[in-house]
Amino acid sequence: MSGNEKDQALESLAQKLTELKEQRRIVGKDADDRAERRDKLNEQVRTLRTEVQKLRTTRDELNEEVKKLKQQRSVAVSKIREKIEGLRAISQEKRTIAENKPSRPYQPLKKELEEVEWKVQTTSHTLQEDKEMMEQVKHLETQLSVYRKIEKFSQKASELRNQVNTLKNENEVRHHKLTTLAQRSQELHKNMLEKIEVAKTKRREADEMHKQFLEARMKVKPLQDDVVAVSAQMLQLRKGLREAEQKQKKESEDTLRQTIENQAREKLRRGEKLSWEEFQLLAEKGMTSQD
C-alpha cells in the first residue's frame, strides 16, 4: 500500500472511529438514562414501602383500639343485662310485697303510730291498755314495714336504672368512637392497598428499566470493541507511515551522502579544496589525503 493509500485509509478509519465513538456515546447515554430512571423508580418504591409500613402500623393501632372498645362494650352489655335482670327481680319482689300493702296510706299510718307511741310514753294506763297499745304499735309497724320495703325496692330499682342509663350512655360514646376509628382504619387500609399496588407497578417498571439498561449496556460492548479495533488499525497505520517516512528519509539522506561523497572524491582526485561537510564525510571513510 502506497503512502497516499495509507493516508486515505487512515482518514477513513478516523471518520469511522468518530462515528463509532458517537454511536457509543449515544448508546451509553441511553443506558445511563435508563439506569437513572430505574434508580428513581426504585427510590419511589422504597418511599412507598415506608409509607405503607407507617399506614399499616397506624391501622393496626386503630384496630387494636377498636378491639379494646368492642371488649369494653361487650362487658358493658353484660353488665346492663345483669342489672336489667336485677330490675326485673326487684320489680317482681316489689309486686309481691305490694299485694300485702295496707289499704291506708303511709302518712296516716305513721301519724297514728307516732300518736300511740306518744301516748304510751306520756300517759298512765292499765296493764291491759298497755298490752292493747303495744299490739296496736306492732300492727302499725307491720303495715308500715310493707311501705318501707316497697320504698327500699324502689330506691334500689332507681339506682339500677341510673346505672343502666350510665352504662348505655358510656356505650353510646364507645360506639361513636369505635365507628369513627373503624372508618378511619378502613380508609387507612384502602390507602395502604392503593400504595401497595402503585409500588408493585413501580417495581415492575423498575425491573423492565433494568432489563432495558442491561440490553443497552450490551450494545455498548461491541461498539467499544470496534473502537478499540479501529484505534489499533489506525495505530498500526501510523506506525507504518512513520516507518515509511523514516525509511524514505534515510534513503534520501544516504543518497545525499553518496552524492556528496562522490563529489568529494572527485574534488579530491582533482586536488580541489574540500568543504567542511565533504571533509567530514571523507574523514569518516578514512579518505582525507589530498596527495
Protein backbone atom coordinates (compact mmCIF):
# COMPACT_ATOMS: atom_id res chain seq x y z
CA MET A 1 0.00 0.00 0.00
CA SER A 2 1.40 3.36 -1.06
CA GLY A 3 1.74 6.26 1.34
CA ASN A 4 -1.20 8.05 -0.27
CA GLU A 5 -3.36 4.97 0.07
CA LYS A 6 -2.34 4.68 3.70
CA ASP A 7 -3.27 8.33 4.29
CA GLN A 8 -6.65 7.74 2.72
CA ALA A 9 -7.12 4.59 4.76
CA LEU A 10 -6.13 6.46 7.93
CA GLU A 11 -8.60 9.26 7.14
CA SER A 12 -11.34 6.70 6.50
CA LEU A 13 -10.58 4.96 9.80
CA ALA A 14 -10.57 8.28 11.65
CA GLN A 15 -14.01 9.04 10.24
CA LYS A 16 -15.20 5.58 11.20
CA LEU A 17 -13.74 5.99 14.70
CA THR A 18 -15.55 9.29 15.13
CA GLU A 19 -18.82 7.67 14.08
CA LEU A 20 -18.26 4.69 16.40
CA LYS A 21 -17.48 6.94 19.35
CA GLU A 22 -20.65 8.96 18.68
CA GLN A 23 -22.71 5.76 18.50
CA ARG A 24 -21.06 4.56 21.71
CA ARG A 25 -21.84 7.90 23.37
CA ILE A 26 -25.49 7.76 22.29
CA VAL A 27 -25.93 4.14 23.37
CA GLY A 28 -24.05 4.81 26.61
CA LYS A 29 -26.21 7.84 27.36
CA ASP A 30 -29.31 5.79 26.66
CA ALA A 31 -28.07 3.16 29.13
CA ASP A 32 -27.26 5.85 31.72
CA ASP A 33 -30.70 7.44 31.25
CA ARG A 34 -32.40 4.08 31.77
CA ALA A 35 -30.26 3.41 34.85
CA GLU A 36 -31.22 6.83 36.24
CA ARG A 37 -34.92 6.17 35.59
CA ARG A 38 -34.55 2.71 37.19
CA ASP A 39 -32.90 4.21 40.28
CA LYS A 40 -35.64 6.86 40.60
CA LEU A 41 -38.31 4.16 40.34
CA ASN A 42 -36.54 2.07 42.98
CA GLU A 43 -36.37 5.12 45.25
CA GLN A 44 -40.10 5.68 44.74
CA VAL A 45 -40.71 2.02 45.61
CA ARG A 46 -38.69 2.40 48.83
CA THR A 47 -40.61 5.56 49.74
CA LEU A 48 -43.93 3.84 49.08
CA ARG A 49 -42.91 0.84 51.17
CA THR A 50 -42.04 3.16 54.06
CA GLU A 51 -45.41 4.91 53.71
CA VAL A 52 -47.19 1.54 53.56
CA GLN A 53 -45.45 0.40 56.74
CA LYS A 54 -46.47 3.60 58.55
CA LEU A 55 -50.06 3.17 57.35
CA ARG A 56 -50.05 -0.49 58.43
CA THR A 57 -48.73 0.42 61.89
CA THR A 58 -51.33 3.17 62.35
CA ARG A 59 -54.09 0.89 61.04
CA ASP A 60 -53.07 -1.91 63.42
CA GLU A 61 -53.02 0.53 66.35
CA LEU A 62 -56.53 1.70 65.43
CA ASN A 63 -57.72 -1.91 65.05
CA GLU A 64 -56.30 -2.71 68.48
CA GLU A 65 -58.16 0.27 69.95
CA VAL A 66 -61.34 -0.85 68.17
CA LYS A 67 -60.85 -4.34 69.62
CA LYS A 68 -60.50 -2.92 73.15
CA LEU A 69 -63.60 -0.76 72.70
CA LYS A 70 -65.57 -3.77 71.48
CA GLN A 71 -64.45 -5.75 74.51
CA GLN A 72 -65.42 -2.87 76.81
CA ARG A 73 -68.77 -2.57 75.04
CA SER A 74 -69.35 -6.31 75.39
CA VAL A 75 -68.56 -6.15 79.12
CA ALA A 76 -70.90 -3.16 79.48
CA VAL A 77 -73.69 -5.01 77.63
CA SER A 78 -73.28 -7.95 80.02
CA LYS A 79 -73.49 -5.61 82.99
CA ILE A 80 -76.58 -3.95 81.53
CA ARG A 81 -78.23 -7.35 81.13
CA GLU A 82 -77.34 -8.27 84.70
CA LYS A 83 -78.78 -5.04 86.05
CA ILE A 84 -81.92 -5.37 83.92
CA GLU A 85 -82.35 -8.89 85.31
CA GLY A 86 -81.88 -7.37 88.78
CA LEU A 87 -84.54 -4.78 87.96
CA ARG A 88 -86.94 -7.49 86.89
CA ALA A 89 -86.31 -9.44 90.08
CA ILE A 90 -86.79 -6.30 92.20
CA SER A 91 -89.97 -5.42 90.30
CA GLN A 92 -91.29 -8.90 90.91
CA GLU A 93 -90.48 -8.74 94.61
CA LYS A 94 -91.98 -5.27 94.78
CA ARG A 95 -95.19 -6.51 93.16
CA THR A 96 -95.32 -9.45 95.59
CA ILE A 97 -94.89 -7.15 98.57
CA ALA A 98 -97.36 -4.63 97.10
CA GLU A 99 -100.03 -7.34 97.20
CA ASN A 100 -99.93 -7.05 101.00
CA LYS A 101 -99.87 -3.26 101.00
CA PRO A 102 -102.25 -1.79 103.65
CA SER A 103 -105.38 -0.08 102.47
CA ARG A 104 -104.45 3.02 104.42
CA PRO A 105 -101.72 5.34 103.07
CA TYR A 106 -98.29 5.58 104.63
CA GLN A 107 -98.60 9.01 106.25
CA PRO A 108 -101.83 8.36 108.23
CA LEU A 109 -100.35 5.09 109.49
CA LYS A 110 -97.14 6.82 110.50
CA LYS A 111 -99.05 9.59 112.24
CA GLU A 112 -101.17 7.10 114.14
CA LEU A 113 -98.05 5.19 115.22
CA GLU A 114 -96.42 8.35 116.48
CA GLU A 115 -99.57 9.24 118.43
CA VAL A 116 -99.81 5.81 120.05
CA GLU A 117 -96.09 5.84 120.96
CA TRP A 118 -96.51 9.31 122.46
CA LYS A 119 -99.49 8.14 124.43
CA VAL A 120 -97.54 5.14 125.70
CA GLN A 121 -94.75 7.42 126.91
CA THR A 122 -96.76 10.28 128.37
CA THR A 123 -99.95 8.83 129.88
CA SER A 124 -100.80 6.39 132.57
CA HIS A 125 -102.64 3.28 131.58
CA THR A 126 -103.52 -0.10 132.85
CA LEU A 127 -101.70 -3.28 132.01
CA GLN A 128 -104.46 -4.26 129.63
CA GLU A 129 -104.37 -0.87 127.97
CA ASP A 130 -100.59 -1.13 127.71
CA LYS A 131 -100.93 -4.54 126.10
CA GLU A 132 -103.53 -3.27 123.68
CA MET A 133 -101.39 -0.27 122.75
CA MET A 134 -98.30 -2.47 122.18
CA GLU A 135 -100.36 -4.72 119.94
CA GLN A 136 -101.52 -1.60 118.10
CA VAL A 137 -97.91 -0.41 117.72
CA LYS A 138 -96.87 -3.83 116.44
CA HIS A 139 -99.75 -3.90 113.94
CA LEU A 140 -98.94 -0.40 112.72
CA GLU A 141 -95.19 -1.25 112.43
CA THR A 142 -96.09 -4.31 110.38
CA GLN A 143 -98.16 -2.24 107.99
CA LEU A 144 -95.51 0.50 107.76
CA SER A 145 -92.76 -2.07 107.11
CA VAL A 146 -94.55 -3.01 103.90
CA TYR A 147 -94.27 0.60 102.74
CA ARG A 148 -90.61 0.72 103.83
CA LYS A 149 -89.81 -2.45 101.88
CA ILE A 150 -91.59 -1.04 98.85
CA GLU A 151 -89.59 2.22 99.20
CA LYS A 152 -86.36 0.28 99.63
CA PHE A 153 -87.00 -1.72 96.46
CA SER A 154 -88.00 1.48 94.63
CA GLN A 155 -84.69 3.16 95.61
CA LYS A 156 -82.71 0.08 94.59
CA ALA A 157 -84.58 -0.07 91.27
CA SER A 158 -83.88 3.63 90.73
CA GLU A 159 -80.18 3.05 91.39
CA LEU A 160 -80.12 0.15 88.93
CA ARG A 161 -81.93 2.25 86.30
CA ASN A 162 -79.38 5.03 86.77
CA GLN A 163 -76.54 2.51 86.44
CA VAL A 164 -78.14 1.05 83.30
CA ASN A 165 -78.53 4.52 81.79
CA THR A 166 -74.91 5.38 82.66
CA LEU A 167 -73.68 2.16 81.05
CA LYS A 168 -75.83 2.79 77.98
CA ASN A 169 -74.52 6.36 77.66
CA GLU A 170 -70.94 5.11 78.01
CA ASN A 171 -71.61 2.51 75.36
CA GLU A 172 -73.04 5.13 73.03
CA VAL A 173 -69.81 7.11 73.41
CA ARG A 174 -67.80 3.92 72.82
CA HIS A 175 -69.90 3.07 69.79
CA HIS A 176 -69.38 6.52 68.28
CA LYS A 177 -65.64 6.36 68.92
CA LEU A 178 -65.49 2.75 67.71
CA THR A 179 -67.33 3.63 64.49
CA THR A 180 -65.06 6.61 63.87
CA LEU A 181 -61.90 4.56 64.48
CA ALA A 182 -63.15 1.66 62.36
CA GLN A 183 -63.95 4.03 59.49
CA ARG A 184 -60.52 5.63 59.80
CA SER A 185 -58.93 2.16 59.86
CA GLN A 186 -60.79 1.21 56.66
CA GLU A 187 -59.61 4.42 54.97
CA LEU A 188 -56.02 3.72 56.00
CA HIS A 189 -56.31 0.12 54.81
CA LYS A 190 -57.68 1.28 51.46
CA ASN A 191 -54.92 3.87 51.11
CA MET A 192 -52.36 1.23 52.06
CA LEU A 193 -53.63 -1.20 49.40
CA GLU A 194 -53.56 1.56 46.79
CA LYS A 195 -49.94 2.37 47.66
CA ILE A 196 -49.05 -1.32 47.55
CA GLU A 197 -50.48 -1.55 44.02
CA VAL A 198 -48.59 1.59 42.99
CA ALA A 199 -45.40 0.14 44.50
CA LYS A 200 -45.92 -3.11 42.57
CA THR A 201 -46.38 -1.15 39.33
CA LYS A 202 -43.26 0.92 40.04
CA ARG A 203 -41.35 -2.27 40.88
CA ARG A 204 -42.33 -3.84 37.55
CA GLU A 205 -41.36 -0.62 35.72
CA ALA A 206 -38.01 -0.58 37.54
CA ASP A 207 -37.36 -4.22 36.62
CA GLU A 208 -38.24 -3.52 33.00
CA MET A 209 -36.00 -0.44 33.01
CA HIS A 210 -33.15 -2.51 34.46
CA LYS A 211 -33.66 -5.07 31.70
CA GLN A 212 -33.51 -2.30 29.09
CA PHE A 213 -30.42 -0.91 30.81
CA LEU A 214 -28.66 -4.27 30.54
CA GLU A 215 -29.67 -4.54 26.87
CA ALA A 216 -28.31 -1.05 26.21
CA ARG A 217 -25.08 -1.91 28.01
CA MET A 218 -24.77 -4.99 25.82
CA LYS A 219 -24.91 -2.73 22.77
CA VAL A 220 -22.05 -0.62 24.15
CA LYS A 221 -19.59 -3.53 24.30
CA PRO A 222 -19.41 -4.36 20.56
CA LEU A 223 -19.13 -0.64 19.82
CA GLN A 224 -16.31 -0.37 22.32
CA ASP A 225 -14.65 -3.40 20.74
CA ASP A 226 -14.97 -1.74 17.33
CA VAL A 227 -13.49 1.48 18.72
CA VAL A 228 -10.52 -0.47 20.11
CA ALA A 229 -10.10 -2.39 16.84
CA VAL A 230 -10.24 0.74 14.66
CA SER A 231 -7.90 2.56 17.05
CA ALA A 232 -5.48 -0.37 16.79
CA GLN A 233 -5.69 -0.27 12.98
CA MET A 234 -5.02 3.47 13.00
CA LEU A 235 -2.10 2.98 15.35
CA GLN A 236 -0.69 0.31 13.07
CA LEU A 237 -1.14 2.52 10.00
CA ARG A 238 0.51 5.48 11.74
CA LYS A 239 3.36 3.22 12.75
CA GLY A 240 3.71 2.02 9.15
CA LEU A 241 3.63 5.62 7.88
CA ARG A 242 6.29 6.66 10.41
CA GLU A 243 8.46 3.71 9.43
CA ALA A 244 7.98 4.52 5.72
CA GLU A 245 8.83 8.18 6.35
CA GLN A 246 11.88 7.19 8.34
CA LYS A 247 12.95 4.76 5.61
CA GLN A 248 12.40 7.37 2.90
CA LYS A 249 14.26 9.95 4.94
CA LYS A 250 17.15 7.55 5.46
CA GLU A 251 17.24 6.69 1.77
CA SER A 252 17.26 10.40 0.89
CA GLU A 253 19.99 11.04 3.43
CA ASP A 254 22.01 8.07 2.12
CA THR A 255 21.54 9.29 -1.46
CA LEU A 256 22.62 12.80 -0.46
CA ARG A 257 25.64 11.48 1.44
CA GLN A 258 26.56 9.33 -1.52
CA THR A 259 26.27 12.32 -3.84
CA ILE A 260 28.41 14.46 -1.52
CA GLU A 261 30.87 11.61 -1.14
CA ASN A 262 31.13 11.21 -4.91
CA GLN A 263 31.61 14.94 -5.30
CA ALA A 264 34.25 14.98 -2.58
CA ARG A 265 36.09 12.06 -4.18
CA GLU A 266 36.07 13.87 -7.50
CA LYS A 267 37.42 17.04 -5.88
CA LEU A 268 39.98 15.03 -4.03
CA ARG A 269 41.05 13.39 -7.28
CA ARG A 270 41.35 16.76 -8.96
CA GLY A 271 43.18 18.17 -5.99
CA GLU A 272 40.49 20.72 -5.24
CA LYS A 273 39.80 22.07 -1.78
CA LEU A 274 37.06 20.21 0.14
CA SER A 275 34.20 21.83 2.09
CA TRP A 276 33.93 21.10 5.79
CA GLU A 277 30.96 18.76 5.20
CA GLU A 278 32.84 16.95 2.44
CA PHE A 279 35.93 16.72 4.60
CA GLN A 280 33.95 15.23 7.50
CA LEU A 281 32.25 12.71 5.22
CA LEU A 282 35.55 11.51 3.74
CA ALA A 283 37.17 11.53 7.18
CA GLU A 284 34.59 9.02 8.27
CA LYS A 285 35.70 6.89 5.33
CA GLY A 286 39.41 7.45 6.06
CA MET A 287 39.92 9.18 2.73
CA THR A 288 41.04 12.73 3.64
CA SER A 289 44.51 12.64 1.93
CA GLN A 290 44.76 15.04 -0.98
CA ASP A 291 48.13 13.55 -2.10
